[in-house]
Amino acid sequence: MKIAPNFPYHIALMGFFGLFVLLMLWNTVLTPVSNFPVALMLLITVTPLLLPMRGFLNGRLKSCAWLAYISLIYFIHGCAEAYVNASTRPYTLLEILLSLMIFFGATFYIRLSGTRT
């Protein structure tokens, strides 16, 4: 059984937009931080996702690889935040799930659509 490269790409795409929406809502509506300006928190949390976005949306393999690496930052943040702060645990578990969707989806997309030697 052969899996089309579009299937893991769509999984990574859902994880990407889901994580983007989660981070926007988390820092503005769900649990805004009172110590820092909201704009600064959005800049810190969302900017790494925006760096490879253009290439990822065009399906470029190098951008997908970079997005997979960047998603590990969100995975580590989610694990640490879930351990430290019990009140935001549902959001952190969703962050972990979405970052893993990005990582595995982008990795398998690269593997399935790359040139074979």
PDB file of N, CA and C in Angstrom:
ATOM      1  N   MET A   1       0.844  -1.179   0.000  1.00  0.00           N
ATOM      2  CA  MET A   1       0.000   0.000   0.000  1.00  0.00           C
ATOM      3  C   MET A   1       0.887   1.238   0.000  1.00  0.00           C
ATOM      4  N   LYS A   2       0.652   2.100  -0.961  1.00  0.00           N
ATOM      5  CA  LYS A   2       1.453   3.307  -1.085  1.00  0.00           C
ATOM      6  C   LYS A   2       0.649   4.511  -0.609  1.00  0.00           C
ATOM      7  N   ILE A   3       1.251   5.317   0.248  1.00  0.00           N
ATOM      8  CA  ILE A   3       0.595   6.512   0.782  1.00  0.00           C
ATOM      9  C   ILE A   3       0.992   7.698  -0.080  1.00  0.00           C
ATOM     10  N   ALA A   4       0.012   8.465  -0.494  1.00  0.00           N
ATOM     11  CA  ALA A   4       0.284   9.663  -1.285  1.00  0.00           C
ATOM     12  C   ALA A   4       0.917  10.723  -0.394  1.00  0.00           C
ATOM     13  N   PRO A   5       1.847  11.518  -0.949  1.00  0.00           N
ATOM     14  CA  PRO A   5       2.491  12.547  -0.128  1.00  0.00           C
ATOM     15  C   PRO A   5       1.534  13.639   0.344  1.00  0.00           C
ATOM     16  N   ASN A   6       0.374  13.755  -0.287  1.00  0.00           N
ATOM     17  CA  ASN A   6      -0.573  14.796   0.118  1.00  0.00           C
ATOM     18  C   ASN A   6      -1.180  14.528   1.491  1.00  0.00           C
ATOM     19  N   PHE A   7      -1.328  13.266   1.867  1.00  0.00           N
ATOM     20  CA  PHE A   7      -1.942  12.943   3.160  1.00  0.00           C
ATOM     21  C   PHE A   7      -1.127  13.486   4.331  1.00  0.00           C
ATOM     22  N   PRO A   8       0.187  13.193   4.436  1.00  0.00           N
ATOM     23  CA  PRO A   8       0.933  13.788   5.552  1.00  0.00           C
ATOM     24  C   PRO A   8       1.063  15.306   5.445  1.00  0.00           C
ATOM     25  N   TYR A   9       1.051  15.825   4.213  1.00  0.00           N
ATOM     26  CA  TYR A   9       1.116  17.282   4.055  1.00  0.00           C
ATOM     27  C   TYR A   9      -0.131  17.937   4.632  1.00  0.00           C
ATOM     28  N   HIS A  10      -1.292  17.337   4.409  1.00  0.00           N
ATOM     29  CA  HIS A  10      -2.533  17.897   4.959  1.00  0.00           C
ATOM     30  C   HIS A  10      -2.574  17.776   6.479  1.00  0.00           C
ATOM     31  N   ILE A  11      -1.990  16.728   7.019  1.00  0.00           N
ATOM     32  CA  ILE A  11      -1.896  16.612   8.485  1.00  0.00           C
ATOM     33  C   ILE A  11      -1.022  17.737   9.046  1.00  0.00           C
ATOM     34  N   ALA A  12       0.123  17.976   8.391  1.00  0.00           N
ATOM     35  CA  ALA A  12       1.003  19.065   8.837  1.00  0.00           C
ATOM     36  C   ALA A  12       0.327  20.414   8.670  1.00  0.00           C
ATOM     37  N   LEU A  13      -0.444  20.570   7.612  1.00  0.00           N
ATOM     38  CA  LEU A  13      -1.163  21.819   7.373  1.00  0.00           C
ATOM     39  C   LEU A  13      -2.207  22.077   8.459  1.00  0.00           C
ATOM     40  N   MET A  14      -2.950  21.029   8.834  1.00  0.00           N
ATOM     41  CA  MET A  14      -3.926  21.183   9.918  1.00  0.00           C
ATOM     42  C   MET A  14      -3.237  21.508  11.239  1.00  0.00           C
ATOM     43  N   GLY A  15      -2.107  20.851  11.509  1.00  0.00           N
ATOM     44  CA  GLY A  15      -1.353  21.152  12.721  1.00  0.00           C
ATOM     45  C   GLY A  15      -0.811  22.563  12.720  1.00  0.00           C
ATOM     46  N   PHE A  16      -0.355  23.032  11.557  1.00  0.00           N
ATOM     47  CA  PHE A  16       0.201  24.378  11.449  1.00  0.00           C
ATOM     48  C   PHE A  16      -0.859  25.437  11.752  1.00  0.00           C
ATOM     49  N   PHE A  17      -1.984  25.357  11.053  1.00  0.00           N
ATOM     50  CA  PHE A  17      -3.019  26.368  11.280  1.00  0.00           C
ATOM     51  C   PHE A  17      -3.668  26.220  12.655  1.00  0.00           C
ATOM     52  N   GLY A  18      -3.776  24.999  13.148  1.00  0.00           N
ATOM     53  CA  GLY A  18      -4.304  24.798  14.494  1.00  0.00           C
ATOM     54  C   GLY A  18      -3.399  25.399  15.554  1.00  0.00           C
ATOM     55  N   LEU A  19      -2.094  25.197  15.408  1.00  0.00           N
ATOM     56  CA  LEU A  19      -1.146  25.773  16.367  1.00  0.00           C
ATOM     57  C   LEU A  19      -1.119  27.287  16.265  1.00  0.00           C
ATOM     58  N   PHE A  20      -1.218  27.798  15.055  1.00  0.00           N
ATOM     59  CA  PHE A  20      -1.253  29.253  14.863  1.00  0.00           C
ATOM     60  C   PHE A  20      -2.463  29.858  15.575  1.00  0.00           C
ATOM     61  N   VAL A  21      -3.631  29.271  15.384  1.00  0.00           N
ATOM     62  CA  VAL A  21      -4.855  29.779  16.019  1.00  0.00           C
ATOM     63  C   VAL A  21      -4.773  29.610  17.540  1.00  0.00           C
ATOM     64  N   LEU A  22      -4.261  28.463  17.995  1.00  0.00           N
ATOM     65  CA  LEU A  22      -4.140  28.236  19.437  1.00  0.00           C
ATOM     66  C   LEU A  22      -3.242  29.282  20.089  1.00  0.00           C
ATOM     67  N   LEU A  23      -2.099  29.565  19.477  1.00  0.00           N
ATOM     68  CA  LEU A  23      -1.186  30.548  20.057  1.00  0.00           C
ATOM     69  C   LEU A  23      -1.790  31.952  20.054  1.00  0.00           C
ATOM     70  N   MET A  24      -2.512  32.284  19.004  1.00  0.00           N
ATOM     71  CA  MET A  24      -3.165  33.600  18.966  1.00  0.00           C
ATOM     72  C   MET A  24      -4.232  33.716  20.052  1.00  0.00           C
ATOM     73  N   LEU A  25      -5.048  32.679  20.199  1.00  0.00           N
ATOM     74  CA  LEU A  25      -6.104  32.722  21.217  1.00  0.00           C
ATOM     75  C   LEU A  25      -5.538  32.625  22.629  1.00  0.00           C
ATOM     76  N   TRP A  26      -4.536  31.796  22.808  1.00  0.00           N
ATOM     77  CA  TRP A  26      -3.961  31.580  24.134  1.00  0.00           C
ATOM     78  C   TRP A  26      -3.407  32.876  24.716  1.00  0.00           C
ATOM     79  N   ASN A  27      -2.730  33.653  23.888  1.00  0.00           N
ATOM     80  CA  ASN A  27      -2.097  34.874  24.388  1.00  0.00           C
ATOM     81  C   ASN A  27      -3.016  36.086  24.399  1.00  0.00           C
ATOM     82  N   THR A  28      -4.165  36.008  23.780  1.00  0.00           N
ATOM     83  CA  THR A  28      -5.057  37.163  23.741  1.00  0.00           C
ATOM     84  C   THR A  28      -6.352  36.943  24.530  1.00  0.00           C
ATOM     85  N   VAL A  29      -6.997  35.804  24.354  1.00  0.00           N
ATOM     86  CA  VAL A  29      -8.329  35.606  24.923  1.00  0.00           C
ATOM     87  C   VAL A  29      -8.323  34.636  26.107  1.00  0.00           C
ATOM     88  N   LEU A  30      -7.675  33.489  25.946  1.00  0.00           N
ATOM     89  CA  LEU A  30      -7.809  32.418  26.940  1.00  0.00           C
ATOM     90  C   LEU A  30      -7.103  32.733  28.254  1.00  0.00           C
ATOM     91  N   THR A  31      -5.804  32.980  28.208  1.00  0.00           N
ATOM     92  CA  THR A  31      -5.049  33.329  29.416  1.00  0.00           C
ATOM     93  C   THR A  31      -4.009  34.393  29.081  1.00  0.00           C
ATOM     94  N   PRO A  32      -4.430  35.634  28.938  1.00  0.00           N
ATOM     95  CA  PRO A  32      -3.446  36.676  28.618  1.00  0.00           C
ATOM     96  C   PRO A  32      -2.505  36.930  29.792  1.00  0.00           C
ATOM     97  N   VAL A  33      -1.259  37.211  29.455  1.00  0.00           N
ATOM     98  CA  VAL A  33      -0.236  37.472  30.465  1.00  0.00           C
ATOM     99  C   VAL A  33      -0.321  38.937  30.881  1.00  0.00           C
ATOM    100  N   SER A  34      -0.297  39.189  32.181  1.00  0.00           N
ATOM    101  CA  SER A  34      -0.430  40.566  32.652  1.00  0.00           C
ATOM    102  C   SER A  34       0.923  41.264  32.808  1.00  0.00           C
ATOM    103  N   ASN A  35       2.010  40.496  32.827  1.00  0.00           N
ATOM    104  CA  ASN A  35       3.325  41.093  33.049  1.00  0.00           C
ATOM    105  C   ASN A  35       3.927  41.706  31.790  1.00  0.00           C
ATOM    106  N   PHE A  36       3.576  41.187  30.626  1.00  0.00           N
ATOM    107  CA  PHE A  36       4.131  41.639  29.358  1.00  0.00           C
ATOM    108  C   PHE A  36       3.030  42.164  28.461  1.00  0.00           C
ATOM    109  N   PRO A  37       3.353  43.039  27.525  1.00  0.00           N
ATOM    110  CA  PRO A  37       2.347  43.462  26.550  1.00  0.00           C
ATOM    111  C   PRO A  37       1.938  42.289  25.657  1.00  0.00           C
ATOM    112  N   VAL A  38       0.680  42.267  25.271  1.00  0.00           N
ATOM    113  CA  VAL A  38       0.155  41.178  24.449  1.00  0.00           C
ATOM    114  C   VAL A  38       0.871  41.133  23.104  1.00  0.00           C
ATOM    115  N   ALA A  39       1.167  42.281  22.536  1.00  0.00           N
ATOM    116  CA  ALA A  39       1.839  42.324  21.240  1.00  0.00           C
ATOM    117  C   ALA A  39       3.223  41.682  21.312  1.00  0.00           C
ATOM    118  N   LEU A  40       3.933  41.891  22.406  1.00  0.00           N
ATOM    119  CA  LEU A  40       5.247  41.281  22.570  1.00  0.00           C
ATOM    120  C   LEU A  40       5.138  39.767  22.688  1.00  0.00           C
ATOM    121  N   MET A  41       4.161  39.291  23.428  1.00  0.00           N
ATOM    122  CA  MET A  41       3.974  37.849  23.569  1.00  0.00           C
ATOM    123  C   MET A  41       3.596  37.214  22.230  1.00  0.00           C
ATOM    124  N   LEU A  42       2.739  37.873  21.466  1.00  0.00           N
ATOM    125  CA  LEU A  42       2.393  37.351  20.144  1.00  0.00           C
ATOM    126  C   LEU A  42       3.606  37.343  19.224  1.00  0.00           C
ATOM    127  N   LEU A  43       4.410  38.376  19.319  1.00  0.00           N
ATOM    128  CA  LEU A  43       5.616  38.455  18.497  1.00  0.00           C
ATOM    129  C   LEU A  43       6.585  37.324  18.825  1.00  0.00           C
ATOM    130  N   ILE A  44       6.734  37.032  20.100  1.00  0.00           N
ATOM    131  CA  ILE A  44       7.659  35.979  20.525  1.00  0.00           C
ATOM    132  C   ILE A  44       7.131  34.593  20.164  1.00  0.00           C
ATOM    133  N   THR A  45       5.848  34.365  20.342  1.00  0.00           N
ATOM    134  CA  THR A  45       5.318  33.008  20.162  1.00  0.00           C
ATOM    135  C   THR A  45       4.945  32.678  18.723  1.00  0.00           C
ATOM    136  N   VAL A  46       4.487  33.636  17.960  1.00  0.00           N
ATOM    137  CA  VAL A  46       3.976  33.330  16.623  1.00  0.00           C
ATOM    138  C   VAL A  46       5.023  33.519  15.526  1.00  0.00           C
ATOM    139  N   THR A  47       5.985  34.386  15.720  1.00  0.00           N
ATOM    140  CA  THR A  47       6.973  34.685  14.680  1.00  0.00           C
ATOM    141  C   THR A  47       7.741  33.458  14.180  1.00  0.00           C
ATOM    142  N   PRO A  48       8.185  32.534  15.039  1.00  0.00           N
ATOM    143  CA  PRO A  48       8.885  31.368  14.483  1.00  0.00           C
ATOM    144  C   PRO A  48       8.040  30.541  13.506  1.00  0.00           C
ATOM    145  N   LEU A  49       6.733  30.530  13.712  1.00  0.00           N
ATOM    146  CA  LEU A  49       5.873  29.809  12.765  1.00  0.00           C
ATOM    147  C   LEU A  49       5.777  30.522  11.418  1.00  0.00           C
ATOM    148  N   LEU A  50       5.911  31.821  11.436  1.00  0.00           N
ATOM    149  CA  LEU A  50       5.747  32.587  10.203  1.00  0.00           C
ATOM    150  C   LEU A  50       6.971  32.544   9.296  1.00  0.00           C
ATOM    151  N   LEU A  51       8.136  32.217   9.841  1.00  0.00           N
ATOM    152  CA  LEU A  51       9.359  32.240   9.038  1.00  0.00           C
ATOM    153  C   LEU A  51       9.318  31.279   7.842  1.00  0.00           C
ATOM    154  N   PRO A  52       8.976  29.985   8.018  1.00  0.00           N
ATOM    155  CA  PRO A  52       8.938  29.092   6.853  1.00  0.00           C
ATOM    156  C   PRO A  52       7.552  28.962   6.222  1.00  0.00           C
ATOM    157  N   MET A  53       6.632  29.860   6.560  1.00  0.00           N
ATOM    158  CA  MET A  53       5.238  29.686   6.132  1.00  0.00           C
ATOM    159  C   MET A  53       5.060  29.736   4.618  1.00  0.00           C
ATOM    160  N   ARG A  54       5.706  30.662   3.946  1.00  0.00           N
ATOM    161  CA  ARG A  54       5.516  30.805   2.501  1.00  0.00           C
ATOM    162  C   ARG A  54       5.963  29.542   1.754  1.00  0.00           C
ATOM    163  N   GLY A  55       7.130  29.047   2.093  1.00  0.00           N
ATOM    164  CA  GLY A  55       7.612  27.839   1.444  1.00  0.00           C
ATOM    165  C   GLY A  55       6.801  26.615   1.818  1.00  0.00           C
ATOM    166  N   PHE A  56       6.349  26.560   3.075  1.00  0.00           N
ATOM    167  CA  PHE A  56       5.534  25.428   3.510  1.00  0.00           C
ATOM    168  C   PHE A  56       4.208  25.385   2.768  1.00  0.00           C
ATOM    169  N   LEU A  57       3.574  26.529   2.599  1.00  0.00           N
ATOM    170  CA  LEU A  57       2.296  26.561   1.887  1.00  0.00           C
ATOM    171  C   LEU A  57       2.462  26.227   0.407  1.00  0.00           C
ATOM    172  N   ASN A  58       3.659  26.466  -0.140  1.00  0.00           N
ATOM    173  CA  ASN A  58       3.932  26.078  -1.526  1.00  0.00           C
ATOM    174  C   ASN A  58       4.435  24.645  -1.646  1.00  0.00           C
ATOM    175  N   GLY A  59       4.634  23.961  -0.528  1.00  0.00           N
ATOM    176  CA  GLY A  59       5.048  22.567  -0.536  1.00  0.00           C
ATOM    177  C   GLY A  59       6.529  22.349  -0.774  1.00  0.00           C
ATOM    178  N   ARG A  60       7.346  23.350  -0.509  1.00  0.00           N
ATOM    179  CA  ARG A  60       8.791  23.206  -0.696  1.00  0.00           C
ATOM    180  C   ARG A  60       9.369  22.342   0.429  1.00  0.00           C
ATOM    181  N   LEU A  61      10.199  21.400   0.033  1.00  0.00           N
ATOM    182  CA  LEU A  61      10.699  20.415   0.983  1.00  0.00           C
ATOM    183  C   LEU A  61      11.616  21.034   2.037  1.00  0.00           C
ATOM    184  N   LYS A  62      12.436  21.984   1.652  1.00  0.00           N
ATOM    185  CA  LYS A  62      13.355  22.609   2.607  1.00  0.00           C
ATOM    186  C   LYS A  62      12.578  23.384   3.679  1.00  0.00           C
ATOM    187  N   SER A  63      11.533  24.090   3.280  1.00  0.00           N
ATOM    188  CA  SER A  63      10.708  24.816   4.245  1.00  0.00           C
ATOM    189  C   SER A  63       9.954  23.859   5.153  1.00  0.00           C
ATOM    190  N   CYS A  64       9.534  22.719   4.611  1.00  0.00           N
ATOM    191  CA  CYS A  64       8.870  21.716   5.441  1.00  0.00           C
ATOM    192  C   CYS A  64       9.836  21.152   6.478  1.00  0.00           C
ATOM    193  N   ALA A  65      11.089  20.964   6.085  1.00  0.00           N
ATOM    194  CA  ALA A  65      12.088  20.480   7.043  1.00  0.00           C
ATOM    195  C   ALA A  65      12.311  21.508   8.150  1.00  0.00           C
ATOM    196  N   TRP A  66      12.429  22.778   7.789  1.00  0.00           N
ATOM    197  CA  TRP A  66      12.617  23.821   8.801  1.00  0.00           C
ATOM    198  C   TRP A  66      11.408  23.923   9.717  1.00  0.00           C
ATOM    199  N   LEU A  67      10.214  23.770   9.159  1.00  0.00           N
ATOM    200  CA  LEU A  67       9.016  23.825   9.990  1.00  0.00           C
ATOM    201  C   LEU A  67       8.981  22.650  10.966  1.00  0.00           C
ATOM    202  N   ALA A  68       9.435  21.488  10.528  1.00  0.00           N
ATOM    203  CA  ALA A  68       9.496  20.336  11.431  1.00  0.00           C
ATOM    204  C   ALA A  68      10.454  20.607  12.589  1.00  0.00           C
ATOM    205  N   TYR A  69      11.598  21.250  12.291  1.00  0.00           N
ATOM    206  CA  TYR A  69      12.537  21.594  13.360  1.00  0.00           C
ATOM    207  C   TYR A  69      11.932  22.628  14.309  1.00  0.00           C
ATOM    208  N   ILE A  70      11.270  23.618  13.760  1.00  0.00           N
ATOM    209  CA  ILE A  70      10.682  24.675  14.583  1.00  0.00           C
ATOM    210  C   ILE A  70       9.553  24.129  15.452  1.00  0.00           C
ATOM    211  N   SER A  71       8.819  23.140  14.952  1.00  0.00           N
ATOM    212  CA  SER A  71       7.716  22.582  15.738  1.00  0.00           C
ATOM    213  C   SER A  71       8.214  21.913  17.017  1.00  0.00           C
ATOM    214  N   LEU A  72       9.467  21.494  17.028  1.00  0.00           N
ATOM    215  CA  LEU A  72      10.006  20.885  18.244  1.00  0.00           C
ATOM    216  C   LEU A  72      10.142  21.892  19.380  1.00  0.00           C
ATOM    217  N   ILE A  73      10.330  23.161  19.038  1.00  0.00           N
ATOM    218  CA  ILE A  73      10.360  24.209  20.061  1.00  0.00           C
ATOM    219  C   ILE A  73       9.009  24.283  20.768  1.00  0.00           C
ATOM    220  N   TYR A  74       7.940  24.203  19.988  1.00  0.00           N
ATOM    221  CA  TYR A  74       6.598  24.256  20.575  1.00  0.00           C
ATOM    222  C   TYR A  74       6.289  22.984  21.359  1.00  0.00           C
ATOM    223  N   PHE A  75       6.833  21.860  20.915  1.00  0.00           N
ATOM    224  CA  PHE A  75       6.669  20.612  21.669  1.00  0.00           C
ATOM    225  C   PHE A  75       7.334  20.729  23.042  1.00  0.00           C
ATOM    226  N   ILE A  76       8.555  21.245  23.070  1.00  0.00           N
ATOM    227  CA  ILE A  76       9.276  21.408  24.341  1.00  0.00           C
ATOM    228  C   ILE A  76       8.555  22.414  25.235  1.00  0.00           C
ATOM    229  N   HIS A  77       8.081  23.511  24.643  1.00  0.00           N
ATOM    230  CA  HIS A  77       7.332  24.502  25.432  1.00  0.00           C
ATOM    231  C   HIS A  77       6.075  23.885  26.018  1.00  0.00           C
ATOM    232  N   GLY A  78       5.363  23.104  25.225  1.00  0.00           N
ATOM    233  CA  GLY A  78       4.140  22.469  25.709  1.00  0.00           C
ATOM    234  C   GLY A  78       4.409  21.492  26.838  1.00  0.00           C
ATOM    235  N   CYS A  79       5.462  20.694  26.719  1.00  0.00           N
ATOM    236  CA  CYS A  79       5.805  19.738  27.781  1.00  0.00           C
ATOM    237  C   CYS A  79       6.194  20.455  29.070  1.00  0.00           C
ATOM    238  N   ALA A  80       7.005  21.483  28.942  1.00  0.00           N
ATOM    239  CA  ALA A  80       7.435  22.216  30.136  1.00  0.00           C
ATOM    240  C   ALA A  80       6.263  22.948  30.783  1.00  0.00           C
ATOM    241  N   GLU A  81       5.434  23.570  29.980  1.00  0.00           N
ATOM    242  CA  GLU A  81       4.292  24.317  30.528  1.00  0.00           C
ATOM    243  C   GLU A  81       3.263  23.373  31.147  1.00  0.00           C
ATOM    244  N   ALA A  82       3.078  22.197  30.570  1.00  0.00           N
ATOM    245  CA  ALA A  82       2.139  21.222  31.143  1.00  0.00           C
ATOM    246  C   ALA A  82       2.637  20.717  32.490  1.00  0.00           C
ATOM    247  N   TYR A  83       3.940  20.593  32.630  1.00  0.00           N
ATOM    248  CA  TYR A  83       4.510  20.136  33.898  1.00  0.00           C
ATOM    249  C   TYR A  83       4.435  21.216  34.971  1.00  0.00           C
ATOM    250  N   VAL A  84       4.652  22.463  34.580  1.00  0.00           N
ATOM    251  CA  VAL A  84       4.748  23.553  35.555  1.00  0.00           C
ATOM    252  C   VAL A  84       3.380  24.097  35.944  1.00  0.00           C
ATOM    253  N   ASN A  85       2.518  24.329  34.978  1.00  0.00           N
ATOM    254  CA  ASN A  85       1.278  25.055  35.221  1.00  0.00           C
ATOM    255  C   ASN A  85       0.079  24.153  34.954  1.00  0.00           C
ATOM    256  N   ALA A  86      -0.605  23.730  35.997  1.00  0.00           N
ATOM    257  CA  ALA A  86      -1.741  22.821  35.841  1.00  0.00           C
ATOM    258  C   ALA A  86      -2.985  23.527  35.302  1.00  0.00           C
ATOM    259  N   SER A  87      -3.076  24.820  35.480  1.00  0.00           N
ATOM    260  CA  SER A  87      -4.291  25.526  35.041  1.00  0.00           C
ATOM    261  C   SER A  87      -4.373  25.643  33.517  1.00  0.00           C
ATOM    262  N   THR A  88      -3.234  25.618  32.837  1.00  0.00           N
ATOM    263  CA  THR A  88      -3.245  25.700  31.368  1.00  0.00           C
ATOM    264  C   THR A  88      -2.951  24.356  30.716  1.00  0.00           C
ATOM    265  N   ARG A  89      -3.097  23.274  31.445  1.00  0.00           N
ATOM    266  CA  ARG A  89      -2.753  21.960  30.918  1.00  0.00           C
ATOM    267  C   ARG A  89      -3.547  21.569  29.665  1.00  0.00           C
ATOM    268  N   PRO A  90      -4.841  21.858  29.551  1.00  0.00           N
ATOM    269  CA  PRO A  90      -5.529  21.496  28.296  1.00  0.00           C
ATOM    270  C   PRO A  90      -4.949  22.204  27.066  1.00  0.00           C
ATOM    271  N   TYR A  91      -4.555  23.454  27.227  1.00  0.00           N
ATOM    272  CA  TYR A  91      -3.971  24.194  26.104  1.00  0.00           C
ATOM    273  C   TYR A  91      -2.594  23.643  25.756  1.00  0.00           C
ATOM    274  N   THR A  92      -1.839  23.271  26.778  1.00  0.00           N
ATOM    275  CA  THR A  92      -0.506  22.745  26.504  1.00  0.00           C
ATOM    276  C   THR A  92      -0.572  21.370  25.860  1.00  0.00           C
ATOM    277  N   LEU A  93      -1.534  20.549  26.269  1.00  0.00           N
ATOM    278  CA  LEU A  93      -1.679  19.244  25.626  1.00  0.00           C
ATOM    279  C   LEU A  93      -2.096  19.399  24.165  1.00  0.00           C
ATOM    280  N   LEU A  94      -2.923  20.380  23.884  1.00  0.00           N
ATOM    281  CA  LEU A  94      -3.281  20.661  22.494  1.00  0.00           C
ATOM    282  C   LEU A  94      -2.075  21.185  21.722  1.00  0.00           C
ATOM    283  N   GLU A  95      -1.247  21.996  22.368  1.00  0.00           N
ATOM    284  CA  GLU A  95      -0.028  22.482  21.727  1.00  0.00           C
ATOM    285  C   GLU A  95       0.916  21.327  21.405  1.00  0.00           C
ATOM    286  N   ILE A  96       1.037  20.376  22.317  1.00  0.00           N
ATOM    287  CA  ILE A  96       1.876  19.208  22.078  1.00  0.00           C
ATOM    288  C   ILE A  96       1.337  18.403  20.904  1.00  0.00           C
ATOM    289  N   LEU A  97       0.035  18.162  20.882  1.00  0.00           N
ATOM    290  CA  LEU A  97      -0.578  17.392  19.799  1.00  0.00           C
ATOM    291  C   LEU A  97      -0.381  18.073  18.445  1.00  0.00           C
ATOM    292  N   LEU A  98      -0.638  19.368  18.380  1.00  0.00           N
ATOM    293  CA  LEU A  98      -0.510  20.089  17.120  1.00  0.00           C
ATOM    294  C   LEU A  98       0.935  20.169  16.650  1.00  0.00           C
ATOM    295  N   SER A  99       1.868  20.337  17.579  1.00  0.00           N
ATOM    296  CA  SER A  99       3.277  20.379  17.173  1.00  0.00           C
ATOM    297  C   SER A  99       3.743  19.015  16.677  1.00  0.00           C
ATOM    298  N   LEU A 100       3.234  17.941  17.261  1.00  0.00           N
ATOM    299  CA  LEU A 100       3.573  16.611  16.763  1.00  0.00           C
ATOM    300  C   LEU A 100       2.938  16.345  15.402  1.00  0.00           C
ATOM    301  N   MET A 101       1.749  16.883  15.187  1.00  0.00           N
ATOM    302  CA  MET A 101       1.133  16.763  13.858  1.00  0.00           C
ATOM    303  C   MET A 101       1.994  17.447  12.809  1.00  0.00           C
ATOM    304  N   ILE A 102       2.504  18.622  13.140  1.00  0.00           N
ATOM    305  CA  ILE A 102       3.390  19.330  12.207  1.00  0.00           C
ATOM    306  C   ILE A 102       4.653  18.520  11.970  1.00  0.00           C
ATOM    307  N   PHE A 103       5.264  18.053  13.048  1.00  0.00           N
ATOM    308  CA  PHE A 103       6.544  17.356  12.916  1.00  0.00           C
ATOM    309  C   PHE A 103       6.416  16.089  12.074  1.00  0.00           C
ATOM    310  N   PHE A 104       5.494  15.222  12.449  1.00  0.00           N
ATOM    311  CA  PHE A 104       5.379  13.960  11.720  1.00  0.00           C
ATOM    312  C   PHE A 104       4.805  14.159  10.325  1.00  0.00           C
ATOM    313  N   GLY A 105       3.853  15.081  10.188  1.00  0.00           N
ATOM    314  CA  GLY A 105       3.304  15.341   8.862  1.00  0.00           C
ATOM    315  C   GLY A 105       4.343  15.886   7.907  1.00  0.00           C
ATOM    316  N   ALA A 106       5.118  16.860   8.347  1.00  0.00           N
ATOM    317  CA  ALA A 106       6.156  17.439   7.483  1.00  0.00           C
ATOM    318  C   ALA A 106       7.265  16.436   7.205  1.00  0.00           C
ATOM    319  N   THR A 107       7.642  15.655   8.205  1.00  0.00           N
ATOM    320  CA  THR A 107       8.702  14.666   8.014  1.00  0.00           C
ATOM    321  C   THR A 107       8.290  13.586   7.019  1.00  0.00           C
ATOM    322  N   PHE A 108       7.082  13.061   7.159  1.00  0.00           N
ATOM    323  CA  PHE A 108       6.631  12.035   6.227  1.00  0.00           C
ATOM    324  C   PHE A 108       6.352  12.601   4.842  1.00  0.00           C
ATOM    325  N   TYR A 109       5.939  13.856   4.773  1.00  0.00           N
ATOM    326  CA  TYR A 109       5.767  14.496   3.461  1.00  0.00           C
ATOM    327  C   TYR A 109       7.106  14.585   2.740  1.00  0.00           C
ATOM    328  N   ILE A 110       8.140  14.980   3.454  1.00  0.00           N
ATOM    329  CA  ILE A 110       9.474  15.050   2.856  1.00  0.00           C
ATOM    330  C   ILE A 110       9.929  13.662   2.419  1.00  0.00           C
ATOM    331  N   ARG A 111       9.708  12.693   3.272  1.00  0.00           N
ATOM    332  CA  ARG A 111      10.144  11.322   2.971  1.00  0.00           C
ATOM    333  C   ARG A 111       9.410  10.753   1.769  1.00  0.00           C
ATOM    334  N   LEU A 112       8.114  10.982   1.689  1.00  0.00           N
ATOM    335  CA  LEU A 112       7.326  10.382   0.609  1.00  0.00           C
ATOM    336  C   LEU A 112       7.436  11.133  -0.712  1.00  0.00           C
ATOM    337  N   SER A 113       7.741  12.412  -0.678  1.00  0.00           N
ATOM    338  CA  SER A 113       7.803  13.162  -1.932  1.00  0.00           C
ATOM    339  C   SER A 113       9.222  13.453  -2.392  1.00  0.00           C
ATOM    340  N   GLY A 114      10.208  13.104  -1.588  1.00  0.00           N
ATOM    341  CA  GLY A 114      11.598  13.347  -1.969  1.00  0.00           C
ATOM    342  C   GLY A 114      12.037  12.414  -3.083  1.00  0.00           C
ATOM    343  N   THR A 115      13.117  12.783  -3.738  1.00  0.00           N
ATOM    344  CA  THR A 115      13.637  11.951  -4.808  1.00  0.00           C
ATOM    345  C   THR A 115      14.301  10.716  -4.220  1.00  0.00           C
ATOM    346  N   ARG A 116      14.118   9.617  -4.872  1.00  0.00           N
ATOM    347  CA  ARG A 116      14.684   8.349  -4.396  1.00  0.00           C
ATOM    348  C   ARG A 116      15.931   8.026  -5.203  1.00  0.00           C
ATOM    349  N   THR A 117      16.970   7.605  -4.515  1.00  0.00           N
ATOM    350  CA  THR A 117      18.203   7.251  -5.205  1.00  0.00           C
ATOM    351  C   THR A 117      18.495   5.777  -5.111  1.00  0.00           C
TER     352      THR A 117
END
